[in-house]
Each structure stands twice: as structure tokens, then as C-alpha cells.
PDB file of N, CA and C in Angstrom:
ATOM      1  N   MET A   1     147.713  45.119  50.140  1.00  0.00           N
ATOM      2  CA  MET A   1     148.816  44.256  49.764  1.00  0.00           C
ATOM      3  C   MET A   1     148.845  44.060  48.243  1.00  0.00           C
ATOM      4  N   ALA A   2     147.672  43.930  47.638  1.00  0.00           N
ATOM      5  CA  ALA A   2     147.604  43.732  46.183  1.00  0.00           C
ATOM      6  C   ALA A   2     148.179  44.924  45.438  1.00  0.00           C
ATOM      7  N   GLN A   3     147.898  46.120  45.924  1.00  0.00           N
ATOM      8  CA  GLN A   3     148.418  47.330  45.287  1.00  0.00           C
ATOM      9  C   GLN A   3     149.945  47.373  45.371  1.00  0.00           C
ATOM     10  N   LEU A   4     150.502  46.998  46.509  1.00  0.00           N
ATOM     11  CA  LEU A   4     151.961  46.967  46.666  1.00  0.00           C
ATOM     12  C   LEU A   4     152.596  45.935  45.742  1.00  0.00           C
ATOM     13  N   ALA A   5     151.973  44.770  45.632  1.00  0.00           N
ATOM     14  CA  ALA A   5     152.501  43.731  44.745  1.00  0.00           C
ATOM     15  C   ALA A   5     152.471  44.197  43.291  1.00  0.00           C
ATOM     16  N   ASP A   6     151.381  44.825  42.892  1.00  0.00           N
ATOM     17  CA  ASP A   6     151.291  45.351  41.524  1.00  0.00           C
ATOM     18  C   ASP A   6     152.379  46.384  41.257  1.00  0.00           C
ATOM     19  N   GLU A   7     152.633  47.239  42.234  1.00  0.00           N
ATOM     20  CA  GLU A   7     153.675  48.260  42.086  1.00  0.00           C
ATOM     21  C   GLU A   7     155.062  47.620  41.958  1.00  0.00           C
ATOM     22  N   LEU A   8     155.330  46.615  42.762  1.00  0.00           N
ATOM     23  CA  LEU A   8     156.619  45.920  42.670  1.00  0.00           C
ATOM     24  C   LEU A   8     156.803  45.261  41.318  1.00  0.00           C
ATOM     25  N   VAL A   9     155.766  44.628  40.823  1.00  0.00           N
ATOM     26  CA  VAL A   9     155.841  43.923  39.535  1.00  0.00           C
ATOM     27  C   VAL A   9     156.137  44.896  38.399  1.00  0.00           C
ATOM     28  N   LYS A  10     155.648  46.120  38.487  1.00  0.00           N
ATOM     29  CA  LYS A  10     155.912  47.130  37.454  1.00  0.00           C
ATOM     30  C   LYS A  10     157.407  47.419  37.316  1.00  0.00           C
ATOM     31  N   HIS A  11     158.162  47.217  38.387  1.00  0.00           N
ATOM     32  CA  HIS A  11     159.610  47.461  38.367  1.00  0.00           C
ATOM     33  C   HIS A  11     160.389  46.266  37.820  1.00  0.00           C
ATOM     34  N   LYS A  12     159.694  45.195  37.471  1.00  0.00           N
ATOM     35  CA  LYS A  12     160.280  43.987  36.869  1.00  0.00           C
ATOM     36  C   LYS A  12     161.467  43.423  37.668  1.00  0.00           C
ATOM     37  N   PRO A  13     161.243  43.086  38.935  1.00  0.00           N
ATOM     38  CA  PRO A  13     162.336  42.484  39.716  1.00  0.00           C
ATOM     39  C   PRO A  13     162.613  41.057  39.232  1.00  0.00           C
ATOM     40  N   ASP A  14     163.750  40.527  39.606  1.00  0.00           N
ATOM     41  CA  ASP A  14     164.090  39.148  39.250  1.00  0.00           C
ATOM     42  C   ASP A  14     163.303  38.149  40.080  1.00  0.00           C
ATOM     43  N   VAL A  15     162.964  38.539  41.316  1.00  0.00           N
ATOM     44  CA  VAL A  15     162.259  37.641  42.231  1.00  0.00           C
ATOM     45  C   VAL A  15     161.502  38.468  43.269  1.00  0.00           C
ATOM     46  N   LEU A  16     160.400  37.916  43.769  1.00  0.00           N
ATOM     47  CA  LEU A  16     159.669  38.515  44.881  1.00  0.00           C
ATOM     48  C   LEU A  16     159.839  37.588  46.077  1.00  0.00           C
ATOM     49  N   VAL A  17     160.182  38.131  47.225  1.00  0.00           N
ATOM     50  CA  VAL A  17     160.330  37.337  48.443  1.00  0.00           C
ATOM     51  C   VAL A  17     159.222  37.761  49.399  1.00  0.00           C
ATOM     52  N   VAL A  18     158.434  36.784  49.845  1.00  0.00           N
ATOM     53  CA  VAL A  18     157.284  37.082  50.703  1.00  0.00           C
ATOM     54  C   VAL A  18     157.390  36.296  52.003  1.00  0.00           C
ATOM     55  N   SER A  19     156.911  36.913  53.089  1.00  0.00           N
ATOM     56  CA  SER A  19     157.032  36.241  54.382  1.00  0.00           C
ATOM     57  C   SER A  19     155.700  36.082  55.103  1.00  0.00           C
ATOM     58  N   ILE A  20     154.616  36.609  54.529  1.00  0.00           N
ATOM     59  CA  ILE A  20     153.306  36.417  55.130  1.00  0.00           C
ATOM     60  C   ILE A  20     152.325  35.948  54.056  1.00  0.00           C
ATOM     61  N   THR A  21     151.293  35.255  54.477  1.00  0.00           N
ATOM     62  CA  THR A  21     150.340  34.649  53.547  1.00  0.00           C
ATOM     63  C   THR A  21     149.692  35.673  52.628  1.00  0.00           C
ATOM     64  N   GLU A  22     149.279  36.804  53.165  1.00  0.00           N
ATOM     65  CA  GLU A  22     148.625  37.829  52.351  1.00  0.00           C
ATOM     66  C   GLU A  22     149.538  38.320  51.236  1.00  0.00           C
ATOM     67  N   ALA A  23     150.814  38.488  51.540  1.00  0.00           N
ATOM     68  CA  ALA A  23     151.777  38.929  50.532  1.00  0.00           C
ATOM     69  C   ALA A  23     151.982  37.854  49.471  1.00  0.00           C
ATOM     70  N   ALA A  24     151.983  36.606  49.870  1.00  0.00           N
ATOM     71  CA  ALA A  24     152.150  35.511  48.915  1.00  0.00           C
ATOM     72  C   ALA A  24     150.990  35.464  47.934  1.00  0.00           C
ATOM     73  N   PHE A  25     149.774  35.592  48.436  1.00  0.00           N
ATOM     74  CA  PHE A  25     148.614  35.602  47.550  1.00  0.00           C
ATOM     75  C   PHE A  25     148.620  36.823  46.631  1.00  0.00           C
ATOM     76  N   ALA A  26     149.018  37.971  47.162  1.00  0.00           N
ATOM     77  CA  ALA A  26     149.082  39.189  46.346  1.00  0.00           C
ATOM     78  C   ALA A  26     150.123  39.040  45.237  1.00  0.00           C
ATOM     79  N   ALA A  27     151.282  38.494  45.562  1.00  0.00           N
ATOM     80  CA  ALA A  27     152.333  38.291  44.566  1.00  0.00           C
ATOM     81  C   ALA A  27     151.886  37.281  43.512  1.00  0.00           C
ATOM     82  N   LYS A  28     151.236  36.216  43.950  1.00  0.00           N
ATOM     83  CA  LYS A  28     150.761  35.189  43.018  1.00  0.00           C
ATOM     84  C   LYS A  28     149.739  35.776  42.051  1.00  0.00           C
ATOM     85  N   LYS A  29     148.875  36.652  42.555  1.00  0.00           N
ATOM     86  CA  LYS A  29     147.854  37.278  41.716  1.00  0.00           C
ATOM     87  C   LYS A  29     148.467  38.322  40.776  1.00  0.00           C
ATOM     88  N   ALA A  30     149.497  39.017  41.239  1.00  0.00           N
ATOM     89  CA  ALA A  30     150.093  40.108  40.468  1.00  0.00           C
ATOM     90  C   ALA A  30     150.897  39.631  39.264  1.00  0.00           C
ATOM     91  N   THR A  31     151.476  38.437  39.352  1.00  0.00           N
ATOM     92  CA  THR A  31     152.317  37.958  38.252  1.00  0.00           C
ATOM     93  C   THR A  31     152.383  36.438  38.232  1.00  0.00           C
ATOM     94  N   SER A  32     152.476  35.915  37.034  1.00  0.00           N
ATOM     95  CA  SER A  32     152.718  34.472  36.892  1.00  0.00           C
ATOM     96  C   SER A  32     154.097  34.230  36.284  1.00  0.00           C
ATOM     97  N   LEU A  33     154.833  35.306  36.026  1.00  0.00           N
ATOM     98  CA  LEU A  33     156.149  35.187  35.395  1.00  0.00           C
ATOM     99  C   LEU A  33     157.306  35.360  36.366  1.00  0.00           C
ATOM    100  N   ILE A  34     157.185  36.288  37.301  1.00  0.00           N
ATOM    101  CA  ILE A  34     158.262  36.555  38.262  1.00  0.00           C
ATOM    102  C   ILE A  34     158.154  35.534  39.398  1.00  0.00           C
ATOM    103  N   PRO A  35     159.239  34.822  39.708  1.00  0.00           N
ATOM    104  CA  PRO A  35     159.188  33.853  40.809  1.00  0.00           C
ATOM    105  C   PRO A  35     158.885  34.526  42.146  1.00  0.00           C
ATOM    106  N   SER A  36     158.019  33.901  42.917  1.00  0.00           N
ATOM    107  CA  SER A  36     157.717  34.347  44.280  1.00  0.00           C
ATOM    108  C   SER A  36     158.254  33.301  45.243  1.00  0.00           C
ATOM    109  N   VAL A  37     159.118  33.712  46.140  1.00  0.00           N
ATOM    110  CA  VAL A  37     159.743  32.805  47.090  1.00  0.00           C
ATOM    111  C   VAL A  37     159.162  33.052  48.476  1.00  0.00           C
ATOM    112  N   MET A  38     158.525  32.016  49.034  1.00  0.00           N
ATOM    113  CA  MET A  38     157.950  32.094  50.379  1.00  0.00           C
ATOM    114  C   MET A  38     159.038  31.783  51.394  1.00  0.00           C
ATOM    115  N   VAL A  39     159.000  32.471  52.506  1.00  0.00           N
ATOM    116  CA  VAL A  39     159.972  32.243  53.564  1.00  0.00           C
ATOM    117  C   VAL A  39     159.229  31.764  54.809  1.00  0.00           C
ATOM    118  N   SER A  40     159.506  30.546  55.219  1.00  0.00           N
ATOM    119  CA  SER A  40     159.009  29.999  56.477  1.00  0.00           C
ATOM    120  C   SER A  40     157.488  29.977  56.604  1.00  0.00           C
ATOM    121  N   PHE A  41     156.828  29.387  55.645  1.00  0.00           N
ATOM    122  CA  PHE A  41     155.370  29.236  55.704  1.00  0.00           C
ATOM    123  C   PHE A  41     155.012  27.963  56.443  1.00  0.00           C
ATOM    124  N   ALA A  42     153.886  27.981  57.133  1.00  0.00           N
ATOM    125  CA  ALA A  42     153.445  26.815  57.900  1.00  0.00           C
ATOM    126  C   ALA A  42     153.013  25.695  56.972  1.00  0.00           C
ATOM    127  N   ASP A  43     152.048  25.933  56.093  1.00  0.00           N
ATOM    128  CA  ASP A  43     151.552  24.890  55.197  1.00  0.00           C
ATOM    129  C   ASP A  43     151.007  25.526  53.920  1.00  0.00           C
ATOM    130  N   PRO A  44     151.869  25.778  52.937  1.00  0.00           N
ATOM    131  CA  PRO A  44     151.433  26.439  51.710  1.00  0.00           C
ATOM    132  C   PRO A  44     150.446  25.610  50.894  1.00  0.00           C
ATOM    133  N   VAL A  45     150.468  24.294  51.046  1.00  0.00           N
ATOM    134  CA  VAL A  45     149.516  23.443  50.333  1.00  0.00           C
ATOM    135  C   VAL A  45     148.113  23.665  50.895  1.00  0.00           C
ATOM    136  N   ALA A  46     147.979  23.612  52.210  1.00  0.00           N
ATOM    137  CA  ALA A  46     146.682  23.822  52.853  1.00  0.00           C
ATOM    138  C   ALA A  46     146.157  25.230  52.598  1.00  0.00           C
ATOM    139  N   ALA A  47     147.059  26.206  52.500  1.00  0.00           N
ATOM    140  CA  ALA A  47     146.649  27.586  52.251  1.00  0.00           C
ATOM    141  C   ALA A  47     146.194  27.794  50.810  1.00  0.00           C
ATOM    142  N   GLY A  48     146.561  26.855  49.921  1.00  0.00           N
ATOM    143  CA  GLY A  48     146.182  26.975  48.524  1.00  0.00           C
ATOM    144  C   GLY A  48     147.162  27.756  47.673  1.00  0.00           C
ATOM    145  N   LEU A  49     148.384  27.954  48.189  1.00  0.00           N
ATOM    146  CA  LEU A  49     149.394  28.679  47.422  1.00  0.00           C
ATOM    147  C   LEU A  49     150.096  27.801  46.395  1.00  0.00           C
ATOM    148  N   VAL A  50     150.288  26.530  46.719  1.00  0.00           N
ATOM    149  CA  VAL A  50     150.966  25.598  45.821  1.00  0.00           C
ATOM    150  C   VAL A  50     150.182  24.294  45.743  1.00  0.00           C
ATOM    151  N   SER A  51     150.429  23.544  44.673  1.00  0.00           N
ATOM    152  CA  SER A  51     149.738  22.263  44.481  1.00  0.00           C
ATOM    153  C   SER A  51     150.236  21.198  45.444  1.00  0.00           C
ATOM    154  N   SER A  52     151.560  21.123  45.590  1.00  0.00           N
ATOM    155  CA  SER A  52     152.171  20.153  46.502  1.00  0.00           C
ATOM    156  C   SER A  52     153.568  20.642  46.842  1.00  0.00           C
ATOM    157  N   LEU A  53     154.161  20.057  47.870  1.00  0.00           N
ATOM    158  CA  LEU A  53     155.534  20.437  48.237  1.00  0.00           C
ATOM    159  C   LEU A  53     156.529  19.929  47.206  1.00  0.00           C
ATOM    160  N   ALA A  54     156.279  18.753  46.659  1.00  0.00           N
ATOM    161  CA  ALA A  54     157.194  18.177  45.685  1.00  0.00           C
ATOM    162  C   ALA A  54     157.149  18.913  44.352  1.00  0.00           C
ATOM    163  N   ARG A  55     155.969  19.331  43.944  1.00  0.00           N
ATOM    164  CA  ARG A  55     155.782  20.035  42.673  1.00  0.00           C
ATOM    165  C   ARG A  55     154.823  21.201  42.900  1.00  0.00           C
ATOM    166  N   PRO A  56     155.368  22.345  43.331  1.00  0.00           N
ATOM    167  CA  PRO A  56     154.499  23.472  43.678  1.00  0.00           C
ATOM    168  C   PRO A  56     153.687  23.996  42.499  1.00  0.00           C
ATOM    169  N   GLY A  57     154.230  23.916  41.293  1.00  0.00           N
ATOM    170  CA  GLY A  57     153.531  24.442  40.126  1.00  0.00           C
ATOM    171  C   GLY A  57     153.540  25.963  40.124  1.00  0.00           C
ATOM    172  N   GLY A  58     153.319  26.558  38.989  1.00  0.00           N
ATOM    173  CA  GLY A  58     153.286  28.014  38.904  1.00  0.00           C
ATOM    174  C   GLY A  58     154.616  28.657  39.224  1.00  0.00           C
ATOM    175  N   ASN A  59     154.552  29.861  39.739  1.00  0.00           N
ATOM    176  CA  ASN A  59     155.773  30.625  40.007  1.00  0.00           C
ATOM    177  C   ASN A  59     156.047  30.800  41.498  1.00  0.00           C
ATOM    178  N   VAL A  60     155.336  30.064  42.345  1.00  0.00           N
ATOM    179  CA  VAL A  60     155.512  30.181  43.794  1.00  0.00           C
ATOM    180  C   VAL A  60     156.301  28.984  44.316  1.00  0.00           C
ATOM    181  N   THR A  61     157.330  29.263  45.090  1.00  0.00           N
ATOM    182  CA  THR A  61     158.153  28.213  45.691  1.00  0.00           C
ATOM    183  C   THR A  61     158.672  28.736  47.024  1.00  0.00           C
ATOM    184  N   GLY A  62     159.466  27.962  47.720  1.00  0.00           N
ATOM    185  CA  GLY A  62     160.059  28.462  48.944  1.00  0.00           C
ATOM    186  C   GLY A  62     160.210  27.436  50.029  1.00  0.00           C
ATOM    187  N   LEU A  63     160.298  27.914  51.256  1.00  0.00           N
ATOM    188  CA  LEU A  63     160.517  27.085  52.426  1.00  0.00           C
ATOM    189  C   LEU A  63     159.249  27.015  53.257  1.00  0.00           C
ATOM    190  N   CYS A  64     159.065  25.864  53.919  1.00  0.00           N
ATOM    191  CA  CYS A  64     157.910  25.771  54.815  1.00  0.00           C
ATOM    192  C   CYS A  64     158.325  25.065  56.096  1.00  0.00           C
ATOM    193  N   ARG A  65     157.532  25.331  57.132  1.00  0.00           N
ATOM    194  CA  ARG A  65     157.783  24.698  58.425  1.00  0.00           C
ATOM    195  C   ARG A  65     157.122  23.332  58.420  1.00  0.00           C
ATOM    196  N   GLN A  66     156.874  22.786  59.569  1.00  0.00           N
ATOM    197  CA  GLN A  66     156.285  21.459  59.698  1.00  0.00           C
ATOM    198  C   GLN A  66     154.921  21.362  59.029  1.00  0.00           C
ATOM    199  N   THR A  67     154.781  20.400  58.163  1.00  0.00           N
ATOM    200  CA  THR A  67     153.500  20.063  57.557  1.00  0.00           C
ATOM    201  C   THR A  67     153.316  18.563  57.716  1.00  0.00           C
ATOM    202  N   PRO A  68     152.109  18.066  57.591  1.00  0.00           N
ATOM    203  CA  PRO A  68     151.907  16.612  57.697  1.00  0.00           C
ATOM    204  C   PRO A  68     152.789  15.820  56.732  1.00  0.00           C
ATOM    205  N   GLU A  69     153.053  16.378  55.551  1.00  0.00           N
ATOM    206  CA  GLU A  69     153.890  15.690  54.570  1.00  0.00           C
ATOM    207  C   GLU A  69     155.342  15.568  55.028  1.00  0.00           C
ATOM    208  N   LEU A  70     155.836  16.522  55.814  1.00  0.00           N
ATOM    209  CA  LEU A  70     157.239  16.533  56.209  1.00  0.00           C
ATOM    210  C   LEU A  70     157.517  15.818  57.525  1.00  0.00           C
ATOM    211  N   ILE A  71     156.532  15.643  58.356  1.00  0.00           N
ATOM    212  CA  ILE A  71     156.753  15.021  59.663  1.00  0.00           C
ATOM    213  C   ILE A  71     157.339  13.626  59.503  1.00  0.00           C
ATOM    214  N   GLY A  72     156.781  12.831  58.617  1.00  0.00           N
ATOM    215  CA  GLY A  72     157.303  11.481  58.375  1.00  0.00           C
ATOM    216  C   GLY A  72     158.725  11.502  57.840  1.00  0.00           C
ATOM    217  N   LYS A  73     159.030  12.466  56.970  1.00  0.00           N
ATOM    218  CA  LYS A  73     160.386  12.588  56.422  1.00  0.00           C
ATOM    219  C   LYS A  73     161.387  12.916  57.525  1.00  0.00           C
ATOM    220  N   ASN A  74     161.001  13.774  58.453  1.00  0.00           N
ATOM    221  CA  ASN A  74     161.899  14.121  59.563  1.00  0.00           C
ATOM    222  C   ASN A  74     162.200  12.895  60.416  1.00  0.00           C
ATOM    223  N   LEU A  75     161.228  12.026  60.588  1.00  0.00           N
ATOM    224  CA  LEU A  75     161.455  10.816  61.377  1.00  0.00           C
ATOM    225  C   LEU A  75     162.382   9.845  60.662  1.00  0.00           C
ATOM    226  N   GLN A  76     162.467   9.926  59.344  1.00  0.00           N
ATOM    227  CA  GLN A  76     163.329   9.039  58.570  1.00  0.00           C
ATOM    228  C   GLN A  76     164.790   9.437  58.621  1.00  0.00           C
ATOM    229  N   ILE A  77     165.084  10.671  59.008  1.00  0.00           N
ATOM    230  CA  ILE A  77     166.466  11.146  59.047  1.00  0.00           C
ATOM    231  C   ILE A  77     167.195  10.449  60.190  1.00  0.00           C
ATOM    232  N   PRO A  78     168.272   9.719  59.887  1.00  0.00           N
ATOM    233  CA  PRO A  78     169.004   9.049  60.977  1.00  0.00           C
ATOM    234  C   PRO A  78     169.708  10.069  61.873  1.00  0.00           C
ATOM    235  N   THR A  79     169.754   9.780  63.138  1.00  0.00           N
ATOM    236  CA  THR A  79     170.386  10.701  64.090  1.00  0.00           C
ATOM    237  C   THR A  79     171.870  10.872  63.812  1.00  0.00           C
ATOM    238  N   THR A  80     172.493   9.905  63.141  1.00  0.00           N
ATOM    239  CA  THR A  80     173.920  10.026  62.838  1.00  0.00           C
ATOM    240  C   THR A  80     174.177  11.127  61.818  1.00  0.00           C
ATOM    241  N   ALA A  81     173.148  11.581  61.129  1.00  0.00           N
ATOM    242  CA  ALA A  81     173.314  12.647  60.140  1.00  0.00           C
ATOM    243  C   ALA A  81     173.673  13.959  60.816  1.00  0.00           C
ATOM    244  N   PHE A  82     173.436  14.082  62.103  1.00  0.00           N
ATOM    245  CA  PHE A  82     173.687  15.343  62.808  1.00  0.00           C
ATOM    246  C   PHE A  82     174.981  15.321  63.602  1.00  0.00           C
ATOM    247  N   ARG A  83     175.781  14.309  63.466  1.00  0.00           N
ATOM    248  CA  ARG A  83     177.038  14.232  64.214  1.00  0.00           C
ATOM    249  C   ARG A  83     178.182  14.769  63.427  1.00  0.00           C
TER     250      ARG A  83
END
């Protein structure tokens, strides 16, 4: 995975999109300048990819599924928001 990430970075893309943890770590290691966007990660904070959901830091960002930090936020959403 690291070799593939290095090869992609050589082509200077505008963004890297990753969907598995190994690819996210490889992209993070390969570059600190090109944004890496995670798609549907379980808990990037626990995995050590980002510092926090509110302020990921570095060049890694994206979407995540249920994490302990988000469960409380989901409960705060009023049901009328979905009507």
C-alpha cells in the first residue's frame, strides 16, 4: 500500500481519497501536503489517523461512522429535523 501511495503522490493529484485504514496510513505517510479524504471510517481518532473529529490536524479529513463522540450528538438531533 505504501508503494502505491508513493506512486500516486508522484503524479501530484489535488486530493487522495481512501476507503480502508491501510490506505489512509499509507497516504498520510506519503505526503503531508496533498489532502487525504477518508470515506466512511469507523473511528479515525482511535485508529490514530487524526487528533480529533473537530480538529483532525494535518492533511487527513473525511467522514466517519458512529464513534463515541458522535453518539451523543445524534441523540441531540430533534426528530422534527427529519420531517
